[in-house]
Amino acid sequence: HMFCARRPGLLLSAMRALDGLGLDVQQAVISCFNGFALDVFQAEQSKEGLEVLPEQIKAVLLNIAGFHGVM
């Protein structure tokens, strides 16, 4: 789950970030309310890609959400 302040282009940035890690997004659910957005992604690792650790995914998503260097 990803919950943060709503910002134009955030979904596209998240999708590009996950794709850049070699993850294939199978499903994305987006809910917006009171200026906030909740995005839920279900992704699978590409067979050709290198193993991606949960910490890497978290760091990339925090970065695109505007929490640079937070972990």
Protein backbone atom coordinates (compact mmCIF):
# COMPACT_ATOMS: atom_id res chain seq x y z
CA HIS A 1 0.00 0.00 0.00
CA MET A 2 1.10 3.54 -0.71
CA PHE A 3 -0.61 6.44 1.08
CA CYS A 4 0.57 10.02 0.57
CA ALA A 5 -0.50 13.51 -0.42
CA ARG A 6 -2.09 13.57 -3.86
CA ARG A 7 0.15 14.92 -6.60
CA PRO A 8 -0.35 15.05 -10.38
CA GLY A 9 1.69 12.35 -12.10
CA LEU A 10 2.29 10.27 -8.97
CA LEU A 11 0.68 7.12 -10.37
CA LEU A 12 2.70 7.35 -13.57
CA SER A 13 5.90 7.92 -11.58
CA ALA A 14 5.14 4.90 -9.39
CA MET A 15 4.43 2.69 -12.41
CA ARG A 16 7.66 3.78 -14.10
CA ALA A 17 9.63 3.19 -10.90
CA LEU A 18 8.25 -0.33 -10.50
CA ASP A 19 8.90 -1.06 -14.18
CA GLY A 20 12.45 0.23 -13.75
CA LEU A 21 12.98 -2.35 -11.02
CA GLY A 22 11.92 -5.10 -13.42
CA LEU A 23 8.50 -5.63 -11.86
CA ASP A 24 5.40 -6.37 -13.94
CA VAL A 25 2.35 -4.68 -12.42
CA GLN A 26 -0.59 -7.09 -12.53
CA GLN A 27 -3.16 -4.86 -10.80
CA ALA A 28 -3.36 -1.27 -9.52
CA VAL A 29 -6.18 0.16 -7.40
CA ILE A 30 -6.29 3.91 -6.83
CA SER A 31 -8.57 5.73 -4.37
CA CYS A 32 -8.56 9.50 -3.83
CA PHE A 33 -10.26 11.30 -0.94
CA ASN A 34 -9.74 14.56 0.95
CA GLY A 35 -6.62 15.42 -1.04
CA PHE A 36 -4.91 12.09 -0.37
CA ALA A 37 -4.40 9.11 -2.62
CA LEU A 38 -4.15 5.44 -1.73
CA ASP A 39 -2.54 3.24 -4.36
CA VAL A 40 -2.38 -0.54 -4.03
CA PHE A 41 -0.21 -2.46 -6.47
CA GLN A 42 0.13 -6.16 -7.12
CA ALA A 43 3.31 -6.88 -9.05
CA GLU A 44 5.39 -9.87 -10.04
CA GLN A 45 9.08 -9.96 -10.73
CA SER A 46 10.00 -10.31 -14.38
CA LYS A 47 11.60 -13.67 -15.14
CA GLU A 48 14.56 -11.98 -16.84
CA GLY A 49 15.20 -9.43 -14.09
CA LEU A 50 17.52 -9.56 -11.13
CA GLU A 51 16.05 -10.27 -7.70
CA VAL A 52 14.46 -7.15 -6.22
CA LEU A 53 14.39 -6.84 -2.44
CA PRO A 54 11.42 -5.32 -0.59
CA GLU A 55 13.73 -2.61 0.80
CA GLN A 56 14.58 -1.54 -2.76
CA ILE A 57 10.92 -1.24 -3.68
CA LYS A 58 10.18 0.74 -0.52
CA ALA A 59 13.08 3.13 -1.12
CA VAL A 60 12.05 3.81 -4.72
CA LEU A 61 8.39 4.42 -3.81
CA LEU A 62 9.31 6.70 -0.88
CA ASN A 63 11.55 8.67 -3.21
CA ILE A 64 8.87 9.25 -5.86
CA ALA A 65 6.34 10.14 -3.12
CA GLY A 66 8.63 12.96 -2.00
CA PHE A 67 10.22 11.36 1.05
CA HIS A 68 13.79 11.54 -0.24
CA GLY A 69 16.32 9.68 1.89
CA VAL A 70 13.70 8.41 4.37
CA MET A 71 13.89 4.75 5.23
